[in-house]
Amino acid sequence: MSWDLSYDYTLSHGQHLRGGVYTLDGTDQAELNITWNYLWFYYKAIDIKEGLRVLDGMPAYQVIDMLTSAIEFIGDSPRHNDYWQPTPGNACRALRDLRALSRMVPPETILHVR
């Protein structure tokens, strides 16, 4: 299981990130998939009741602020070679990717979390 996070925005050619599920040829859609394996980190660092779902409906500029705080809370440790392992490094890597994606879209663009 996983979260699908997306902005209603088309990225410029060559801008894309890769999460847990991705298209082999990439996509121009501002979207990212993150495994639920990291959910406990997100409940602790972002929102105790909703985890990443609390970001649903937020504009990119607020998402960036929330993710920056969460990354600092979890701590920046090395990621595990296995993406699926629920480690602080892997959880932060996914948040850094989502933050990078959020910086690629206009600040008022709304994030959808499914």
N, C-alpha and C. Protein backbone atom coordinates (compact mmCIF):
# COMPACT_ATOMS: atom_id res chain seq x y z
N MET A 1 0.84 -1.16 0.00
CA MET A 1 0.00 0.00 0.00
C MET A 1 0.90 1.24 0.00
N SER A 2 0.29 2.35 -0.44
CA SER A 2 1.08 3.56 -0.55
C SER A 2 0.18 4.79 -0.65
N TRP A 3 0.84 5.94 -0.57
CA TRP A 3 0.16 7.21 -0.80
C TRP A 3 0.51 7.66 -2.21
N ASP A 4 -0.47 8.17 -2.91
CA ASP A 4 -0.25 8.85 -4.19
C ASP A 4 -0.42 10.34 -3.92
N LEU A 5 0.63 11.09 -4.16
CA LEU A 5 0.63 12.52 -3.91
C LEU A 5 0.79 13.23 -5.26
N SER A 6 -0.06 14.21 -5.51
CA SER A 6 0.02 14.86 -6.82
C SER A 6 -0.45 16.31 -6.74
N TYR A 7 0.11 17.09 -7.65
CA TYR A 7 -0.32 18.46 -7.89
C TYR A 7 -0.93 18.48 -9.28
N ASP A 8 -1.96 19.29 -9.49
CA ASP A 8 -2.52 19.46 -10.83
C ASP A 8 -1.63 20.44 -11.58
N TYR A 9 -0.51 19.90 -12.07
CA TYR A 9 0.48 20.74 -12.73
C TYR A 9 1.33 19.85 -13.63
N THR A 10 1.65 20.35 -14.81
CA THR A 10 2.51 19.63 -15.74
C THR A 10 3.93 20.18 -15.61
N LEU A 11 4.88 19.30 -15.36
CA LEU A 11 6.27 19.70 -15.19
C LEU A 11 6.94 19.95 -16.53
N SER A 12 8.02 20.71 -16.49
CA SER A 12 8.83 20.93 -17.68
C SER A 12 9.52 19.64 -18.07
N HIS A 13 9.92 19.55 -19.31
CA HIS A 13 10.63 18.36 -19.79
C HIS A 13 11.86 18.09 -18.92
N GLY A 14 12.02 16.86 -18.50
CA GLY A 14 13.19 16.46 -17.73
C GLY A 14 13.04 16.58 -16.23
N GLN A 15 11.93 17.16 -15.76
CA GLN A 15 11.71 17.27 -14.31
C GLN A 15 10.82 16.11 -13.87
N HIS A 16 11.34 15.19 -13.12
CA HIS A 16 10.49 14.16 -12.51
C HIS A 16 11.27 13.47 -11.40
N LEU A 17 10.52 12.89 -10.49
CA LEU A 17 11.09 12.17 -9.36
C LEU A 17 10.54 10.76 -9.38
N ARG A 18 11.19 9.86 -8.67
CA ARG A 18 10.77 8.47 -8.66
C ARG A 18 10.53 8.01 -7.24
N GLY A 19 9.33 7.53 -6.97
CA GLY A 19 9.00 7.01 -5.64
C GLY A 19 8.85 5.51 -5.68
N GLY A 20 7.91 4.98 -4.89
CA GLY A 20 7.72 3.54 -4.79
C GLY A 20 7.16 2.92 -6.05
N VAL A 21 6.25 3.63 -6.72
CA VAL A 21 5.66 3.17 -7.98
C VAL A 21 5.90 4.29 -8.98
N TYR A 22 6.34 3.93 -10.18
CA TYR A 22 6.65 4.96 -11.18
C TYR A 22 6.54 4.38 -12.57
N THR A 23 6.38 5.26 -13.57
CA THR A 23 6.36 4.82 -14.95
C THR A 23 7.80 4.75 -15.45
N LEU A 24 8.10 3.73 -16.20
CA LEU A 24 9.48 3.50 -16.64
C LEU A 24 10.04 4.66 -17.44
N ASP A 25 9.21 5.27 -18.28
CA ASP A 25 9.68 6.37 -19.11
C ASP A 25 9.55 7.73 -18.43
N GLY A 26 9.15 7.73 -17.16
CA GLY A 26 8.94 8.99 -16.45
C GLY A 26 7.58 9.58 -16.82
N THR A 27 7.28 10.70 -16.25
CA THR A 27 6.02 11.38 -16.51
C THR A 27 6.23 12.88 -16.37
N ASP A 28 5.37 13.65 -17.02
CA ASP A 28 5.45 15.10 -16.86
C ASP A 28 4.45 15.59 -15.82
N GLN A 29 3.77 14.68 -15.16
CA GLN A 29 2.82 15.05 -14.12
C GLN A 29 3.55 15.24 -12.80
N ALA A 30 3.12 16.21 -12.03
CA ALA A 30 3.74 16.50 -10.73
C ALA A 30 3.15 15.53 -9.71
N GLU A 31 3.72 14.33 -9.66
CA GLU A 31 3.19 13.29 -8.78
C GLU A 31 4.31 12.44 -8.21
N LEU A 32 4.02 11.85 -7.07
CA LEU A 32 4.99 11.00 -6.39
C LEU A 32 4.23 9.94 -5.60
N ASN A 33 4.78 8.76 -5.52
CA ASN A 33 4.20 7.67 -4.75
C ASN A 33 5.15 7.34 -3.62
N ILE A 34 4.60 7.22 -2.39
CA ILE A 34 5.43 6.90 -1.21
C ILE A 34 4.81 5.71 -0.49
N THR A 35 5.64 4.73 -0.18
CA THR A 35 5.17 3.53 0.51
C THR A 35 4.65 3.83 1.91
N TRP A 36 3.67 3.04 2.33
CA TRP A 36 3.15 3.16 3.69
C TRP A 36 4.13 2.60 4.72
N ASN A 37 5.20 1.98 4.28
CA ASN A 37 6.17 1.42 5.22
C ASN A 37 6.74 2.48 6.16
N TYR A 38 6.70 3.74 5.75
CA TYR A 38 7.27 4.82 6.55
C TYR A 38 6.23 5.52 7.42
N LEU A 39 5.01 5.01 7.46
CA LEU A 39 3.91 5.76 8.07
C LEU A 39 4.15 6.16 9.51
N TRP A 40 4.82 5.35 10.31
CA TRP A 40 5.00 5.72 11.73
C TRP A 40 5.89 6.94 11.88
N PHE A 41 6.86 7.08 10.98
CA PHE A 41 7.69 8.29 11.01
C PHE A 41 6.83 9.52 10.73
N TYR A 42 5.90 9.39 9.78
CA TYR A 42 5.08 10.53 9.38
C TYR A 42 4.01 10.87 10.41
N TYR A 43 3.51 9.86 11.11
CA TYR A 43 2.56 10.14 12.19
C TYR A 43 3.26 10.92 13.31
N LYS A 44 4.49 10.56 13.60
CA LYS A 44 5.24 11.24 14.66
C LYS A 44 5.70 12.64 14.24
N ALA A 45 6.14 12.77 12.99
CA ALA A 45 6.78 14.01 12.56
C ALA A 45 5.83 15.03 11.94
N ILE A 46 4.71 14.58 11.38
CA ILE A 46 3.83 15.50 10.66
C ILE A 46 2.50 15.70 11.38
N ASP A 47 1.79 14.61 11.63
CA ASP A 47 0.50 14.70 12.31
C ASP A 47 0.18 13.35 12.93
N ILE A 48 -0.04 13.32 14.23
CA ILE A 48 -0.23 12.08 14.98
C ILE A 48 -1.47 11.30 14.54
N LYS A 49 -2.48 11.98 14.02
CA LYS A 49 -3.71 11.29 13.61
C LYS A 49 -3.77 10.98 12.12
N GLU A 50 -3.16 11.84 11.28
CA GLU A 50 -3.33 11.68 9.85
C GLU A 50 -2.04 11.44 9.06
N GLY A 51 -0.89 11.64 9.65
CA GLY A 51 0.35 11.44 8.90
C GLY A 51 0.38 12.34 7.67
N LEU A 52 0.73 11.77 6.52
CA LEU A 52 0.83 12.54 5.28
C LEU A 52 -0.52 13.08 4.81
N ARG A 53 -1.60 12.44 5.20
CA ARG A 53 -2.94 12.87 4.74
C ARG A 53 -3.27 14.30 5.19
N VAL A 54 -2.63 14.78 6.23
CA VAL A 54 -2.89 16.15 6.68
C VAL A 54 -2.46 17.17 5.62
N LEU A 55 -1.59 16.77 4.69
CA LEU A 55 -1.13 17.66 3.63
C LEU A 55 -2.15 17.82 2.51
N ASP A 56 -3.15 16.96 2.47
CA ASP A 56 -4.15 17.00 1.40
C ASP A 56 -4.87 18.34 1.40
N GLY A 57 -4.87 19.00 0.24
CA GLY A 57 -5.55 20.29 0.11
C GLY A 57 -4.69 21.50 0.44
N MET A 58 -3.45 21.28 0.87
CA MET A 58 -2.55 22.40 1.20
C MET A 58 -1.84 22.91 -0.05
N PRO A 59 -1.59 24.22 -0.10
CA PRO A 59 -0.78 24.76 -1.20
C PRO A 59 0.69 24.37 -1.01
N ALA A 60 1.39 24.35 -2.11
CA ALA A 60 2.79 23.90 -2.12
C ALA A 60 3.65 24.65 -1.10
N TYR A 61 3.47 25.95 -0.95
CA TYR A 61 4.33 26.69 -0.02
C TYR A 61 4.15 26.21 1.42
N GLN A 62 2.93 25.81 1.81
CA GLN A 62 2.71 25.28 3.16
C GLN A 62 3.26 23.86 3.28
N VAL A 63 3.12 23.08 2.21
CA VAL A 63 3.66 21.72 2.20
C VAL A 63 5.17 21.77 2.42
N ILE A 64 5.85 22.68 1.74
CA ILE A 64 7.30 22.82 1.89
C ILE A 64 7.68 23.09 3.34
N ASP A 65 6.97 24.00 3.99
CA ASP A 65 7.25 24.31 5.39
C ASP A 65 7.03 23.09 6.29
N MET A 66 5.92 22.38 6.09
CA MET A 66 5.61 21.20 6.91
C MET A 66 6.67 20.12 6.71
N LEU A 67 7.07 19.91 5.45
CA LEU A 67 8.06 18.86 5.17
C LEU A 67 9.43 19.22 5.74
N THR A 68 9.80 20.47 5.67
CA THR A 68 11.08 20.90 6.23
C THR A 68 11.13 20.61 7.72
N SER A 69 10.05 20.92 8.42
CA SER A 69 9.98 20.63 9.86
C SER A 69 10.03 19.13 10.13
N ALA A 70 9.31 18.35 9.33
CA ALA A 70 9.29 16.90 9.52
C ALA A 70 10.66 16.28 9.28
N ILE A 71 11.36 16.75 8.26
CA ILE A 71 12.70 16.23 7.96
C ILE A 71 13.64 16.52 9.13
N GLU A 72 13.55 17.72 9.68
CA GLU A 72 14.38 18.07 10.84
C GLU A 72 14.02 17.21 12.04
N PHE A 73 12.74 16.93 12.25
CA PHE A 73 12.28 16.12 13.37
C PHE A 73 12.79 14.68 13.27
N ILE A 74 12.67 14.09 12.08
CA ILE A 74 13.09 12.69 11.89
C ILE A 74 14.61 12.58 11.95
N GLY A 75 15.29 13.56 11.41
CA GLY A 75 16.76 13.55 11.40
C GLY A 75 17.27 13.05 10.06
N ASP A 76 18.39 13.54 9.68
CA ASP A 76 18.95 13.22 8.37
C ASP A 76 19.99 12.11 8.51
N SER A 77 19.55 10.88 8.39
CA SER A 77 20.47 9.75 8.45
C SER A 77 20.57 9.11 7.08
N PRO A 78 21.59 8.30 6.84
CA PRO A 78 21.74 7.67 5.53
C PRO A 78 20.53 6.78 5.20
N ARG A 79 20.17 6.78 3.93
CA ARG A 79 19.06 5.92 3.53
C ARG A 79 19.56 4.49 3.35
N HIS A 80 18.65 3.56 3.48
CA HIS A 80 18.94 2.14 3.32
C HIS A 80 18.94 1.83 1.82
N ASN A 81 19.74 0.87 1.40
CA ASN A 81 19.77 0.49 -0.02
C ASN A 81 18.44 -0.06 -0.50
N ASP A 82 17.65 -0.61 0.41
CA ASP A 82 16.35 -1.16 0.07
C ASP A 82 15.28 -0.10 0.34
N TYR A 83 14.68 0.45 -0.71
CA TYR A 83 13.67 1.51 -0.60
C TYR A 83 12.56 1.15 0.38
N TRP A 84 12.19 -0.12 0.47
CA TRP A 84 11.04 -0.56 1.23
C TRP A 84 11.30 -0.64 2.74
N GLN A 85 12.54 -0.58 3.17
CA GLN A 85 12.85 -0.67 4.60
C GLN A 85 12.39 0.60 5.33
N PRO A 86 11.65 0.44 6.43
CA PRO A 86 11.16 1.60 7.18
C PRO A 86 12.24 2.17 8.09
N THR A 87 13.15 2.92 7.50
CA THR A 87 14.24 3.53 8.25
C THR A 87 14.08 5.06 8.22
N PRO A 88 14.67 5.76 9.20
CA PRO A 88 14.60 7.23 9.17
C PRO A 88 15.17 7.81 7.87
N GLY A 89 16.26 7.24 7.39
CA GLY A 89 16.86 7.74 6.16
C GLY A 89 15.94 7.60 4.96
N ASN A 90 15.27 6.46 4.84
CA ASN A 90 14.35 6.26 3.73
C ASN A 90 13.13 7.18 3.85
N ALA A 91 12.61 7.32 5.07
CA ALA A 91 11.46 8.19 5.29
C ALA A 91 11.80 9.63 4.94
N CYS A 92 12.98 10.09 5.33
CA CYS A 92 13.40 11.45 5.01
C CYS A 92 13.66 11.63 3.53
N ARG A 93 14.22 10.62 2.89
CA ARG A 93 14.48 10.72 1.45
C ARG A 93 13.17 10.96 0.69
N ALA A 94 12.12 10.22 1.06
CA ALA A 94 10.82 10.41 0.41
C ALA A 94 10.28 11.81 0.66
N LEU A 95 10.45 12.32 1.88
CA LEU A 95 9.99 13.68 2.18
C LEU A 95 10.81 14.72 1.43
N ARG A 96 12.11 14.50 1.30
CA ARG A 96 12.94 15.43 0.52
C ARG A 96 12.51 15.43 -0.95
N ASP A 97 12.16 14.25 -1.48
CA ASP A 97 11.68 14.17 -2.86
C ASP A 97 10.36 14.92 -3.02
N LEU A 98 9.45 14.75 -2.05
CA LEU A 98 8.18 15.46 -2.12
C LEU A 98 8.40 16.97 -1.98
N ARG A 99 9.32 17.36 -1.13
CA ARG A 99 9.63 18.79 -1.00
C ARG A 99 10.21 19.34 -2.31
N ALA A 100 11.09 18.57 -2.94
CA ALA A 100 11.65 18.99 -4.24
C ALA A 100 10.54 19.14 -5.28
N LEU A 101 9.61 18.19 -5.30
CA LEU A 101 8.47 18.27 -6.22
C LEU A 101 7.64 19.51 -5.92
N SER A 102 7.43 19.80 -4.64
CA SER A 102 6.64 20.96 -4.23
C SER A 102 7.30 22.27 -4.65
N ARG A 103 8.61 22.27 -4.76
CA ARG A 103 9.34 23.46 -5.20
C ARG A 103 9.29 23.63 -6.71
N MET A 104 8.92 22.57 -7.45
CA MET A 104 8.84 22.63 -8.91
C MET A 104 7.52 23.23 -9.41
N VAL A 105 6.54 23.34 -8.53
CA VAL A 105 5.22 23.83 -8.93
C VAL A 105 5.02 25.25 -8.39
N PRO A 106 4.08 26.01 -8.96
CA PRO A 106 3.80 27.34 -8.39
C PRO A 106 3.36 27.22 -6.93
N PRO A 107 3.72 28.18 -6.08
CA PRO A 107 3.48 28.10 -4.63
C PRO A 107 2.02 27.87 -4.23
N GLU A 108 1.07 28.33 -5.00
CA GLU A 108 -0.34 28.20 -4.63
C GLU A 108 -0.97 26.89 -5.12
N THR A 109 -0.22 26.06 -5.82
CA THR A 109 -0.75 24.81 -6.35
C THR A 109 -1.09 23.87 -5.20
N ILE A 110 -2.25 23.24 -5.27
CA ILE A 110 -2.77 22.41 -4.18
C ILE A 110 -2.29 20.96 -4.32
N LEU A 111 -1.86 20.39 -3.20
CA LEU A 111 -1.43 18.99 -3.15
C LEU A 111 -2.64 18.10 -2.89
N HIS A 112 -2.71 16.99 -3.61
CA HIS A 112 -3.74 15.97 -3.41
C HIS A 112 -3.06 14.72 -2.86
N VAL A 113 -3.60 14.16 -1.79
CA VAL A 113 -3.05 12.95 -1.18
C VAL A 113 -4.13 11.88 -1.24
N ARG A 114 -3.84 10.77 -1.89
CA ARG A 114 -4.79 9.66 -2.01
C ARG A 114 -4.14 8.40 -1.50
